[in-house]
Amino acid sequence: MSFGKTFILAASVLVQTLTLTTFASANSTMPTAGRSTQPVGHYEFCQSYVEDCRRHAQVETPVALTRELWAEVVEVNNLVNTMVTPMTDMEMWGREEVWSYPTHGVGDCEDYALEKRRMLSERGISASNLLMTVVRQKNGAGHAVLTLRTSMGDFILDNLEPRVLAWTDTEYRFLKRQSEKHAGIWVSIEDGRDVLVGSLK
């Protein structure tokens, strides 16, 4: 990693760590409803990574968001966003909707999110608090992010946004995410916010 990228990463971690207290009043949990369809890319991913798609032995309460944990979350978000080069599934695989870990340093949105999920899980955060999530961008395009369930609400780790934001502070329309009870099951999200998203009909 170049000195410039290292400096930007360190500065971003510092700024976001110092601003943790600004999120204390957010405390917004994403409302979910019934079972939804599993993205085909995630279904195929689960055939290869069975351990990542099982029922959780224990559904943890949302993780306590301390200043130390926030620093780790920001660090991982920035690290993955910096070390992975964006590339579409069509460019990498010759077809759409291939979910994979960015083992060769390239990937698209879900690959970034999967890697962040893996790294944060290795740092001790329960898988039931690290949920792959599908959203709609303002231009109508689909997108995948990682939702972190915390005692201060749900936060989004995103490869298109350098900051870790409360889900209510994003401009996405939230569609569905993994169940906190079972990593292979998806539930719909009742996103009642007034977010203008094109081509959502």
N, C-alpha and C. Protein backbone atom coordinates (compact mmCIF):
# COMPACT_ATOMS: atom_id res chain seq x y z
N MET A 1 0.84 -1.19 0.00
CA MET A 1 0.00 0.00 0.00
C MET A 1 0.88 1.24 0.00
N SER A 2 0.56 2.19 -0.86
CA SER A 2 1.37 3.39 -0.97
C SER A 2 1.24 4.25 0.27
N PHE A 3 2.22 5.17 0.44
CA PHE A 3 2.19 6.08 1.58
C PHE A 3 0.93 6.93 1.55
N GLY A 4 0.55 7.38 0.33
CA GLY A 4 -0.64 8.23 0.20
C GLY A 4 -1.89 7.52 0.67
N LYS A 5 -2.07 6.26 0.24
CA LYS A 5 -3.24 5.50 0.65
C LYS A 5 -3.21 5.23 2.15
N THR A 6 -2.03 4.94 2.67
CA THR A 6 -1.90 4.69 4.11
C THR A 6 -2.29 5.92 4.91
N PHE A 7 -1.84 7.09 4.46
CA PHE A 7 -2.15 8.34 5.15
C PHE A 7 -3.65 8.62 5.12
N ILE A 8 -4.27 8.43 3.94
CA ILE A 8 -5.71 8.67 3.80
C ILE A 8 -6.48 7.71 4.70
N LEU A 9 -6.06 6.45 4.72
CA LEU A 9 -6.72 5.46 5.57
C LEU A 9 -6.63 5.85 7.03
N ALA A 10 -5.44 6.22 7.49
CA ALA A 10 -5.25 6.60 8.89
C ALA A 10 -6.06 7.83 9.25
N ALA A 11 -6.09 8.80 8.36
CA ALA A 11 -6.84 10.03 8.61
C ALA A 11 -8.33 9.75 8.69
N SER A 12 -8.81 8.90 7.80
CA SER A 12 -10.23 8.56 7.79
C SER A 12 -10.64 7.83 9.06
N VAL A 13 -9.79 6.88 9.49
CA VAL A 13 -10.06 6.15 10.74
C VAL A 13 -10.12 7.11 11.91
N LEU A 14 -9.18 8.05 11.97
CA LEU A 14 -9.14 9.01 13.06
C LEU A 14 -10.39 9.88 13.09
N VAL A 15 -10.77 10.41 11.94
CA VAL A 15 -11.93 11.29 11.87
C VAL A 15 -13.19 10.56 12.27
N GLN A 16 -13.38 9.35 11.73
CA GLN A 16 -14.60 8.61 12.05
C GLN A 16 -14.61 8.15 13.51
N THR A 17 -13.45 7.83 14.05
CA THR A 17 -13.38 7.44 15.45
C THR A 17 -13.77 8.60 16.35
N LEU A 18 -13.28 9.77 16.03
CA LEU A 18 -13.58 10.94 16.84
C LEU A 18 -15.04 11.35 16.77
N THR A 19 -15.72 10.95 15.69
CA THR A 19 -17.11 11.37 15.51
C THR A 19 -18.12 10.30 15.93
N LEU A 20 -17.67 9.27 16.59
CA LEU A 20 -18.59 8.22 17.04
C LEU A 20 -19.72 8.78 17.87
N THR A 21 -19.43 9.75 18.72
CA THR A 21 -20.46 10.27 19.61
C THR A 21 -21.60 10.93 18.84
N THR A 22 -21.36 11.34 17.61
CA THR A 22 -22.44 11.97 16.84
C THR A 22 -23.51 10.97 16.46
N PHE A 23 -23.20 9.68 16.53
CA PHE A 23 -24.17 8.66 16.17
C PHE A 23 -24.96 8.16 17.37
N ALA A 24 -24.61 8.60 18.54
CA ALA A 24 -25.23 8.05 19.74
C ALA A 24 -26.73 8.25 19.76
N SER A 25 -27.20 9.32 19.12
CA SER A 25 -28.64 9.59 19.14
C SER A 25 -29.37 8.92 17.98
N ALA A 26 -28.63 8.34 17.03
CA ALA A 26 -29.29 7.73 15.88
C ALA A 26 -30.11 6.52 16.32
N ASN A 27 -29.47 5.53 16.86
CA ASN A 27 -30.11 4.37 17.46
C ASN A 27 -31.29 3.87 16.64
N SER A 28 -31.11 3.73 15.36
CA SER A 28 -32.19 3.30 14.47
C SER A 28 -31.93 1.88 13.97
N THR A 29 -32.86 0.99 14.28
CA THR A 29 -32.76 -0.38 13.84
C THR A 29 -33.59 -0.58 12.58
N MET A 30 -33.02 -1.20 11.60
CA MET A 30 -33.69 -1.45 10.34
C MET A 30 -34.90 -2.37 10.54
N PRO A 31 -36.10 -1.93 10.18
CA PRO A 31 -37.28 -2.78 10.37
C PRO A 31 -37.37 -3.85 9.28
N THR A 32 -37.48 -5.10 9.69
CA THR A 32 -37.60 -6.20 8.74
C THR A 32 -38.97 -6.85 8.85
N ALA A 33 -39.34 -7.56 7.79
CA ALA A 33 -40.64 -8.21 7.76
C ALA A 33 -40.45 -9.70 7.51
N GLY A 34 -41.25 -10.26 6.62
CA GLY A 34 -41.20 -11.69 6.39
C GLY A 34 -40.05 -12.12 5.49
N ARG A 35 -40.04 -13.40 5.23
CA ARG A 35 -38.97 -14.00 4.43
C ARG A 35 -39.01 -13.47 3.00
N SER A 36 -37.82 -13.27 2.43
CA SER A 36 -37.69 -12.79 1.06
C SER A 36 -36.87 -13.79 0.26
N THR A 37 -36.73 -13.52 -1.03
CA THR A 37 -35.95 -14.42 -1.88
C THR A 37 -34.46 -14.22 -1.64
N GLN A 38 -33.73 -15.31 -1.69
CA GLN A 38 -32.28 -15.25 -1.57
C GLN A 38 -31.68 -14.87 -2.92
N PRO A 39 -30.82 -13.87 -2.98
CA PRO A 39 -30.19 -13.53 -4.25
C PRO A 39 -29.51 -14.75 -4.86
N VAL A 40 -29.65 -14.91 -6.18
CA VAL A 40 -29.10 -16.09 -6.83
C VAL A 40 -27.58 -16.18 -6.63
N GLY A 41 -26.92 -15.03 -6.62
CA GLY A 41 -25.47 -15.03 -6.40
C GLY A 41 -25.11 -15.53 -5.02
N HIS A 42 -25.92 -15.17 -4.02
CA HIS A 42 -25.66 -15.65 -2.66
C HIS A 42 -25.96 -17.13 -2.54
N TYR A 43 -27.02 -17.59 -3.22
CA TYR A 43 -27.34 -19.02 -3.21
C TYR A 43 -26.16 -19.83 -3.75
N GLU A 44 -25.60 -19.39 -4.87
CA GLU A 44 -24.46 -20.10 -5.45
C GLU A 44 -23.22 -19.99 -4.55
N PHE A 45 -23.04 -18.84 -3.93
CA PHE A 45 -21.94 -18.66 -2.98
C PHE A 45 -22.05 -19.68 -1.84
N CYS A 46 -23.27 -19.90 -1.38
CA CYS A 46 -23.50 -20.82 -0.26
C CYS A 46 -23.19 -22.27 -0.62
N GLN A 47 -23.23 -22.60 -1.89
CA GLN A 47 -22.89 -23.96 -2.30
C GLN A 47 -21.40 -24.23 -2.11
N SER A 48 -20.60 -23.17 -2.22
CA SER A 48 -19.15 -23.31 -2.05
C SER A 48 -18.70 -23.02 -0.62
N TYR A 49 -19.42 -22.11 0.05
CA TYR A 49 -19.06 -21.69 1.41
C TYR A 49 -20.20 -22.03 2.36
N VAL A 50 -20.41 -23.32 2.56
CA VAL A 50 -21.54 -23.80 3.37
C VAL A 50 -21.47 -23.25 4.79
N GLU A 51 -20.27 -23.18 5.36
CA GLU A 51 -20.12 -22.73 6.74
C GLU A 51 -20.56 -21.27 6.92
N ASP A 52 -20.52 -20.49 5.84
CA ASP A 52 -20.90 -19.08 5.92
C ASP A 52 -22.40 -18.87 5.76
N CYS A 53 -23.15 -19.94 5.59
CA CYS A 53 -24.58 -19.82 5.27
C CYS A 53 -25.46 -20.67 6.16
N ARG A 54 -24.98 -21.03 7.33
CA ARG A 54 -25.73 -21.89 8.24
C ARG A 54 -26.62 -21.09 9.19
N ARG A 55 -27.49 -21.83 9.86
CA ARG A 55 -28.25 -21.24 10.97
C ARG A 55 -27.27 -20.88 12.07
N HIS A 56 -27.44 -19.71 12.68
CA HIS A 56 -26.55 -19.29 13.74
C HIS A 56 -26.87 -20.08 15.01
N ALA A 57 -25.85 -20.64 15.60
CA ALA A 57 -26.04 -21.43 16.82
C ALA A 57 -26.70 -20.59 17.91
N GLN A 58 -26.36 -19.32 17.93
CA GLN A 58 -26.94 -18.41 18.91
C GLN A 58 -27.09 -17.03 18.27
N VAL A 59 -28.30 -16.48 18.36
CA VAL A 59 -28.54 -15.14 17.83
C VAL A 59 -28.14 -14.14 18.90
N GLU A 60 -27.08 -13.43 18.64
CA GLU A 60 -26.56 -12.47 19.61
C GLU A 60 -27.40 -11.20 19.61
N THR A 61 -27.43 -10.52 20.75
CA THR A 61 -28.01 -9.19 20.77
C THR A 61 -27.09 -8.27 19.97
N PRO A 62 -27.60 -7.15 19.47
CA PRO A 62 -26.72 -6.25 18.72
C PRO A 62 -25.45 -5.93 19.51
N VAL A 63 -24.32 -5.93 18.83
CA VAL A 63 -23.03 -5.76 19.48
C VAL A 63 -22.92 -4.37 20.12
N ALA A 64 -22.34 -4.33 21.32
CA ALA A 64 -22.14 -3.06 22.01
C ALA A 64 -21.13 -2.22 21.23
N LEU A 65 -21.54 -1.04 20.82
CA LEU A 65 -20.68 -0.20 19.99
C LEU A 65 -19.84 0.71 20.87
N THR A 66 -18.65 0.24 21.18
CA THR A 66 -17.69 1.02 21.95
C THR A 66 -16.82 1.84 20.99
N ARG A 67 -16.08 2.77 21.53
CA ARG A 67 -15.17 3.56 20.71
C ARG A 67 -14.10 2.66 20.08
N GLU A 68 -13.66 1.65 20.82
CA GLU A 68 -12.64 0.74 20.30
C GLU A 68 -13.18 -0.09 19.14
N LEU A 69 -14.41 -0.59 19.30
CA LEU A 69 -15.00 -1.37 18.22
C LEU A 69 -15.24 -0.51 16.99
N TRP A 70 -15.72 0.71 17.21
CA TRP A 70 -15.97 1.62 16.09
C TRP A 70 -14.68 1.84 15.29
N ALA A 71 -13.56 2.01 15.99
CA ALA A 71 -12.27 2.21 15.31
C ALA A 71 -11.93 0.99 14.46
N GLU A 72 -12.21 -0.21 14.96
CA GLU A 72 -11.95 -1.43 14.19
C GLU A 72 -12.83 -1.51 12.96
N VAL A 73 -14.11 -1.17 13.13
CA VAL A 73 -15.07 -1.22 12.02
C VAL A 73 -14.65 -0.25 10.92
N VAL A 74 -14.31 0.97 11.31
CA VAL A 74 -13.87 1.98 10.34
C VAL A 74 -12.59 1.53 9.65
N GLU A 75 -11.67 0.94 10.42
CA GLU A 75 -10.41 0.47 9.86
C GLU A 75 -10.65 -0.60 8.80
N VAL A 76 -11.50 -1.59 9.11
CA VAL A 76 -11.78 -2.67 8.17
C VAL A 76 -12.48 -2.12 6.93
N ASN A 77 -13.43 -1.24 7.12
CA ASN A 77 -14.14 -0.66 5.98
C ASN A 77 -13.17 0.04 5.03
N ASN A 78 -12.29 0.85 5.59
CA ASN A 78 -11.33 1.57 4.77
C ASN A 78 -10.28 0.65 4.16
N LEU A 79 -9.86 -0.35 4.92
CA LEU A 79 -8.84 -1.27 4.43
C LEU A 79 -9.34 -2.02 3.20
N VAL A 80 -10.54 -2.58 3.28
CA VAL A 80 -11.08 -3.34 2.15
C VAL A 80 -11.35 -2.42 0.97
N ASN A 81 -11.91 -1.23 1.24
CA ASN A 81 -12.18 -0.29 0.14
C ASN A 81 -10.90 0.13 -0.57
N THR A 82 -9.79 0.12 0.17
CA THR A 82 -8.51 0.55 -0.40
C THR A 82 -7.79 -0.58 -1.11
N MET A 83 -7.87 -1.79 -0.57
CA MET A 83 -7.06 -2.88 -1.11
C MET A 83 -7.72 -3.62 -2.27
N VAL A 84 -9.03 -3.45 -2.45
CA VAL A 84 -9.74 -4.12 -3.54
C VAL A 84 -9.98 -3.14 -4.67
N THR A 85 -9.68 -3.57 -5.88
CA THR A 85 -9.92 -2.76 -7.07
C THR A 85 -11.27 -3.14 -7.67
N PRO A 86 -12.14 -2.16 -7.94
CA PRO A 86 -13.46 -2.49 -8.47
C PRO A 86 -13.40 -3.12 -9.86
N MET A 87 -14.15 -4.20 -10.04
CA MET A 87 -14.25 -4.87 -11.33
C MET A 87 -15.59 -5.60 -11.36
N THR A 88 -16.29 -5.54 -12.46
CA THR A 88 -17.61 -6.15 -12.55
C THR A 88 -17.51 -7.67 -12.66
N ASP A 89 -18.61 -8.34 -12.34
CA ASP A 89 -18.67 -9.79 -12.49
C ASP A 89 -18.46 -10.19 -13.95
N MET A 90 -19.01 -9.40 -14.86
CA MET A 90 -18.86 -9.71 -16.28
C MET A 90 -17.39 -9.65 -16.67
N GLU A 91 -16.66 -8.68 -16.15
CA GLU A 91 -15.23 -8.58 -16.45
C GLU A 91 -14.44 -9.72 -15.82
N MET A 92 -14.83 -10.12 -14.62
CA MET A 92 -14.08 -11.16 -13.91
C MET A 92 -14.48 -12.57 -14.34
N TRP A 93 -15.78 -12.80 -14.51
CA TRP A 93 -16.29 -14.15 -14.70
C TRP A 93 -16.99 -14.38 -16.04
N GLY A 94 -17.28 -13.30 -16.74
CA GLY A 94 -18.00 -13.44 -18.00
C GLY A 94 -19.49 -13.62 -17.83
N ARG A 95 -19.99 -13.40 -16.61
CA ARG A 95 -21.43 -13.48 -16.34
C ARG A 95 -21.75 -12.65 -15.10
N GLU A 96 -23.04 -12.35 -14.92
CA GLU A 96 -23.46 -11.52 -13.80
C GLU A 96 -23.72 -12.35 -12.54
N GLU A 97 -23.79 -11.65 -11.42
CA GLU A 97 -24.22 -12.23 -10.14
C GLU A 97 -23.35 -13.39 -9.66
N VAL A 98 -22.05 -13.16 -9.62
CA VAL A 98 -21.13 -14.13 -9.02
C VAL A 98 -20.62 -13.52 -7.72
N TRP A 99 -21.02 -14.10 -6.59
CA TRP A 99 -20.58 -13.61 -5.29
C TRP A 99 -19.34 -14.39 -4.86
N SER A 100 -18.29 -13.66 -4.53
CA SER A 100 -17.04 -14.34 -4.16
C SER A 100 -16.20 -13.42 -3.28
N TYR A 101 -15.24 -14.01 -2.60
CA TYR A 101 -14.28 -13.21 -1.85
C TYR A 101 -13.26 -12.63 -2.84
N PRO A 102 -12.82 -11.40 -2.63
CA PRO A 102 -11.87 -10.77 -3.56
C PRO A 102 -10.44 -11.25 -3.33
N THR A 103 -10.22 -12.54 -3.52
CA THR A 103 -8.92 -13.13 -3.21
C THR A 103 -7.81 -12.65 -4.14
N HIS A 104 -8.18 -12.14 -5.31
CA HIS A 104 -7.16 -11.67 -6.26
C HIS A 104 -7.08 -10.15 -6.29
N GLY A 105 -7.66 -9.51 -5.28
CA GLY A 105 -7.56 -8.06 -5.18
C GLY A 105 -8.52 -7.29 -6.04
N VAL A 106 -9.48 -7.98 -6.65
CA VAL A 106 -10.51 -7.31 -7.45
C VAL A 106 -11.88 -7.84 -7.04
N GLY A 107 -12.92 -7.03 -7.27
CA GLY A 107 -14.26 -7.49 -6.93
C GLY A 107 -15.29 -6.41 -7.17
N ASP A 108 -16.56 -6.79 -7.04
CA ASP A 108 -17.61 -5.79 -7.12
C ASP A 108 -18.28 -5.67 -5.75
N CYS A 109 -19.41 -4.99 -5.69
CA CYS A 109 -19.95 -4.55 -4.39
C CYS A 109 -20.13 -5.68 -3.37
N GLU A 110 -20.72 -6.81 -3.81
CA GLU A 110 -20.95 -7.87 -2.84
C GLU A 110 -19.65 -8.51 -2.38
N ASP A 111 -18.63 -8.49 -3.23
CA ASP A 111 -17.33 -9.05 -2.85
C ASP A 111 -16.66 -8.21 -1.76
N TYR A 112 -16.78 -6.89 -1.89
CA TYR A 112 -16.29 -5.99 -0.84
C TYR A 112 -17.00 -6.32 0.48
N ALA A 113 -18.33 -6.43 0.41
CA ALA A 113 -19.12 -6.65 1.62
C ALA A 113 -18.80 -8.01 2.25
N LEU A 114 -18.64 -9.03 1.43
CA LEU A 114 -18.29 -10.36 1.95
C LEU A 114 -16.95 -10.34 2.67
N GLU A 115 -15.99 -9.63 2.11
CA GLU A 115 -14.66 -9.57 2.73
C GLU A 115 -14.72 -8.81 4.05
N LYS A 116 -15.48 -7.74 4.11
CA LYS A 116 -15.62 -6.99 5.36
C LYS A 116 -16.30 -7.86 6.41
N ARG A 117 -17.29 -8.62 5.98
CA ARG A 117 -17.99 -9.54 6.90
C ARG A 117 -17.02 -10.57 7.46
N ARG A 118 -16.20 -11.13 6.59
CA ARG A 118 -15.24 -12.14 7.03
C ARG A 118 -14.22 -11.54 8.00
N MET A 119 -13.69 -10.38 7.68
CA MET A 119 -12.66 -9.77 8.52
C MET A 119 -13.21 -9.37 9.88
N LEU A 120 -14.41 -8.82 9.91
CA LEU A 120 -15.00 -8.42 11.20
C LEU A 120 -15.40 -9.64 12.03
N SER A 121 -15.81 -10.71 11.36
CA SER A 121 -16.11 -11.95 12.07
C SER A 121 -14.85 -12.51 12.71
N GLU A 122 -13.73 -12.43 11.99
CA GLU A 122 -12.46 -12.90 12.54
C GLU A 122 -12.01 -12.05 13.73
N ARG A 123 -12.52 -10.83 13.81
CA ARG A 123 -12.18 -9.94 14.93
C ARG A 123 -13.16 -10.09 16.09
N GLY A 124 -14.06 -11.05 15.99
CA GLY A 124 -14.91 -11.39 17.13
C GLY A 124 -16.34 -10.93 17.08
N ILE A 125 -16.76 -10.27 16.00
CA ILE A 125 -18.17 -9.86 15.90
C ILE A 125 -18.98 -11.05 15.41
N SER A 126 -20.10 -11.32 16.07
CA SER A 126 -20.95 -12.45 15.72
C SER A 126 -21.49 -12.30 14.31
N ALA A 127 -21.57 -13.43 13.60
CA ALA A 127 -22.12 -13.42 12.24
C ALA A 127 -23.57 -12.95 12.22
N SER A 128 -24.29 -13.12 13.32
CA SER A 128 -25.68 -12.67 13.37
C SER A 128 -25.79 -11.16 13.41
N ASN A 129 -24.67 -10.47 13.60
CA ASN A 129 -24.65 -9.01 13.58
C ASN A 129 -23.96 -8.45 12.34
N LEU A 130 -23.62 -9.33 11.39
CA LEU A 130 -22.95 -8.93 10.15
C LEU A 130 -23.78 -9.48 8.99
N LEU A 131 -24.62 -8.65 8.40
CA LEU A 131 -25.63 -9.13 7.48
C LEU A 131 -25.48 -8.53 6.08
N MET A 132 -25.32 -9.39 5.10
CA MET A 132 -25.31 -8.96 3.71
C MET A 132 -26.68 -8.35 3.39
N THR A 133 -26.67 -7.24 2.66
CA THR A 133 -27.89 -6.47 2.43
C THR A 133 -27.95 -5.99 0.99
N VAL A 134 -29.14 -6.05 0.40
CA VAL A 134 -29.35 -5.59 -0.97
C VAL A 134 -30.16 -4.30 -0.94
N VAL A 135 -29.67 -3.30 -1.68
CA VAL A 135 -30.32 -1.99 -1.72
C VAL A 135 -30.50 -1.56 -3.17
N ARG A 136 -31.27 -0.49 -3.35
CA ARG A 136 -31.43 0.14 -4.66
C ARG A 136 -30.80 1.52 -4.60
N GLN A 137 -29.93 1.82 -5.55
CA GLN A 137 -29.31 3.13 -5.61
C GLN A 137 -30.28 4.16 -6.20
N LYS A 138 -29.93 5.43 -6.09
CA LYS A 138 -30.78 6.51 -6.59
C LYS A 138 -31.01 6.39 -8.09
N ASN A 139 -30.06 5.81 -8.81
CA ASN A 139 -30.22 5.66 -10.26
C ASN A 139 -30.98 4.39 -10.64
N GLY A 140 -31.45 3.65 -9.63
CA GLY A 140 -32.23 2.45 -9.87
C GLY A 140 -31.42 1.17 -9.90
N ALA A 141 -30.10 1.28 -9.89
CA ALA A 141 -29.25 0.09 -9.96
C ALA A 141 -29.22 -0.64 -8.62
N GLY A 142 -29.15 -1.97 -8.68
CA GLY A 142 -29.02 -2.76 -7.47
C GLY A 142 -27.61 -2.65 -6.91
N HIS A 143 -27.48 -2.88 -5.62
CA HIS A 143 -26.19 -2.72 -4.95
C HIS A 143 -26.20 -3.56 -3.68
N ALA A 144 -25.05 -4.04 -3.26
CA ALA A 144 -24.93 -4.82 -2.03
C ALA A 144 -24.00 -4.12 -1.04
N VAL A 145 -24.40 -4.13 0.23
CA VAL A 145 -23.61 -3.53 1.30
C VAL A 145 -23.63 -4.49 2.49
N LEU A 146 -22.88 -4.13 3.52
CA LEU A 146 -22.88 -4.92 4.75
C LEU A 146 -23.53 -4.12 5.86
N THR A 147 -24.50 -4.75 6.54
CA THR A 147 -25.15 -4.11 7.68
C THR A 147 -24.53 -4.64 8.97
N LEU A 148 -24.16 -3.71 9.85
CA LEU A 148 -23.64 -4.05 11.18
C LEU A 148 -24.70 -3.70 12.21
N ARG A 149 -25.19 -4.70 12.94
CA ARG A 149 -26.20 -4.48 14.00
C ARG A 149 -25.48 -4.11 15.29
N THR A 150 -25.79 -2.95 15.85
CA THR A 150 -25.13 -2.51 17.08
C THR A 150 -26.14 -1.99 18.09
N SER A 151 -25.64 -1.74 19.29
CA SER A 151 -26.46 -1.17 20.35
C SER A 151 -26.88 0.26 20.05
N MET A 152 -26.24 0.88 19.06
CA MET A 152 -26.60 2.24 18.65
C MET A 152 -27.34 2.26 17.32
N GLY A 153 -27.81 1.12 16.90
CA GLY A 153 -28.54 1.04 15.64
C GLY A 153 -27.75 0.30 14.58
N ASP A 154 -28.31 0.27 13.38
CA ASP A 154 -27.71 -0.45 12.26
C ASP A 154 -26.86 0.50 11.41
N PHE A 155 -25.66 0.06 11.09
CA PHE A 155 -24.72 0.86 10.31
C PHE A 155 -24.34 0.13 9.02
N ILE A 156 -23.97 0.91 8.01
CA ILE A 156 -23.70 0.37 6.68
C ILE A 156 -22.24 0.54 6.30
N LEU A 157 -21.62 -0.57 5.89
CA LEU A 157 -20.27 -0.56 5.34
C LEU A 157 -20.41 -0.73 3.83
N ASP A 158 -19.85 0.21 3.07
CA ASP A 158 -20.17 0.34 1.66
C ASP A 158 -18.90 0.66 0.87
N ASN A 159 -18.73 0.04 -0.28
CA ASN A 159 -17.56 0.34 -1.09
C ASN A 159 -17.71 1.64 -1.90
N LEU A 160 -18.92 2.19 -1.98
CA LEU A 160 -19.13 3.44 -2.70
C LEU A 160 -19.11 4.66 -1.79
N GLU A 161 -19.00 4.44 -0.49
CA GLU A 161 -19.04 5.51 0.50
C GLU A 161 -17.92 5.27 1.51
N PRO A 162 -16.97 6.21 1.65
CA PRO A 162 -15.85 5.99 2.56
C PRO A 162 -16.24 5.99 4.04
N ARG A 163 -17.36 6.63 4.36
CA ARG A 163 -17.79 6.69 5.76
C ARG A 163 -18.68 5.50 6.11
N VAL A 164 -18.63 5.08 7.37
CA VAL A 164 -19.59 4.11 7.88
C VAL A 164 -20.77 4.92 8.40
N LEU A 165 -21.93 4.74 7.78
CA LEU A 165 -23.09 5.56 8.09
C LEU A 165 -24.20 4.75 8.74
N ALA A 166 -25.00 5.42 9.57
CA ALA A 166 -26.25 4.82 10.02
C ALA A 166 -27.09 4.56 8.79
N TRP A 167 -27.83 3.47 8.77
CA TRP A 167 -28.57 3.10 7.56
C TRP A 167 -29.54 4.20 7.14
N THR A 168 -30.05 4.95 8.12
CA THR A 168 -31.01 6.02 7.83
C THR A 168 -30.34 7.24 7.20
N ASP A 169 -29.02 7.29 7.26
CA ASP A 169 -28.29 8.43 6.67
C ASP A 169 -27.83 8.16 5.24
N THR A 170 -28.12 6.98 4.72
CA THR A 170 -27.77 6.68 3.33
C THR A 170 -28.90 7.12 2.41
N GLU A 171 -28.59 7.15 1.12
CA GLU A 171 -29.59 7.54 0.12
C GLU A 171 -30.11 6.33 -0.64
N TYR A 172 -29.96 5.15 -0.06
CA TYR A 172 -30.42 3.93 -0.70
C TYR A 172 -31.85 3.60 -0.29
N ARG A 173 -32.53 2.82 -1.13
CA ARG A 173 -33.77 2.17 -0.75
C ARG A 173 -33.40 0.75 -0.34
N PHE A 174 -33.65 0.39 0.90
CA PHE A 174 -33.26 -0.93 1.41
C PHE A 174 -34.33 -1.96 1.05
N LEU A 175 -33.89 -3.07 0.46
CA LEU A 175 -34.81 -4.08 -0.05
C LEU A 175 -34.86 -5.35 0.81
N LYS A 176 -33.71 -5.94 1.07
CA LYS A 176 -33.68 -7.19 1.84
C LYS A 176 -32.29 -7.44 2.39
N ARG A 177 -32.23 -8.31 3.41
CA ARG A 177 -30.94 -8.65 3.99
C ARG A 177 -31.00 -10.05 4.58
N GLN A 178 -29.84 -10.55 4.96
CA GLN A 178 -29.79 -11.85 5.63
C GLN A 178 -30.54 -11.78 6.96
N SER A 179 -31.13 -12.89 7.33
CA SER A 179 -31.74 -12.99 8.65
C SER A 179 -30.65 -13.10 9.70
N GLU A 180 -30.88 -12.45 10.85
CA GLU A 180 -29.91 -12.58 11.93
C GLU A 180 -29.93 -13.97 12.56
N LYS A 181 -30.96 -14.78 12.20
CA LYS A 181 -31.08 -16.13 12.75
C LYS A 181 -30.42 -17.18 11.88
N HIS A 182 -30.35 -16.91 10.58
CA HIS A 182 -29.85 -17.92 9.64
C HIS A 182 -29.21 -17.20 8.46
N ALA A 183 -27.93 -17.45 8.23
CA ALA A 183 -27.19 -16.73 7.19
C ALA A 183 -27.63 -17.09 5.77
N GLY A 184 -28.36 -18.21 5.62
CA GLY A 184 -28.83 -18.62 4.30
C GLY A 184 -30.25 -18.18 4.00
N ILE A 185 -30.88 -17.50 4.95
CA ILE A 185 -32.25 -17.02 4.77
C ILE A 185 -32.25 -15.50 4.71
N TRP A 186 -33.08 -14.95 3.83
CA TRP A 186 -33.17 -13.50 3.65
C TRP A 186 -34.56 -13.01 4.03
N VAL A 187 -34.59 -11.80 4.58
CA VAL A 187 -35.86 -11.18 4.98
C VAL A 187 -36.00 -9.82 4.30
N SER A 188 -37.24 -9.41 4.09
CA SER A 188 -37.48 -8.12 3.46
C SER A 188 -37.30 -6.99 4.48
N ILE A 189 -37.01 -5.80 3.97
CA ILE A 189 -36.82 -4.62 4.81
C ILE A 189 -37.94 -3.63 4.54
N GLU A 190 -38.58 -3.16 5.59
CA GLU A 190 -39.66 -2.19 5.46
C GLU A 190 -39.06 -0.78 5.54
N ASP A 191 -38.57 -0.32 4.42
CA ASP A 191 -37.91 0.98 4.36
C ASP A 191 -38.96 2.05 4.08
N GLY A 192 -39.47 2.67 5.14
CA GLY A 192 -40.51 3.66 4.99
C GLY A 192 -39.99 5.07 4.87
N ARG A 193 -38.67 5.23 4.73
CA ARG A 193 -38.10 6.58 4.63
C ARG A 193 -38.48 7.23 3.30
N ASP A 194 -38.48 8.52 3.29
CA ASP A 194 -38.79 9.29 2.07
C ASP A 194 -37.51 9.47 1.27
N VAL A 195 -37.15 8.40 0.53
CA VAL A 195 -35.93 8.43 -0.27
C VAL A 195 -36.33 8.39 -1.74
N LEU A 196 -35.84 9.36 -2.51
CA LEU A 196 -36.15 9.42 -3.94
C LEU A 196 -35.21 8.51 -4.68
N VAL A 197 -35.76 7.43 -5.21
CA VAL A 197 -34.98 6.46 -5.96
C VAL A 197 -35.63 6.25 -7.32
N GLY A 198 -34.85 6.48 -8.38
CA GLY A 198 -35.40 6.31 -9.71
C GLY A 198 -35.58 4.86 -10.10
N SER A 199 -36.48 4.60 -11.00
CA SER A 199 -36.72 3.26 -11.57
C SER A 199 -37.01 2.22 -10.50
N LEU A 200 -37.75 2.59 -9.47
CA LEU A 200 -38.05 1.65 -8.40
C LEU A 200 -39.37 0.93 -8.64
N LYS A 201 -40.14 1.37 -9.59
CA LYS A 201 -41.46 0.77 -9.84
C LYS A 201 -41.33 -0.64 -10.37
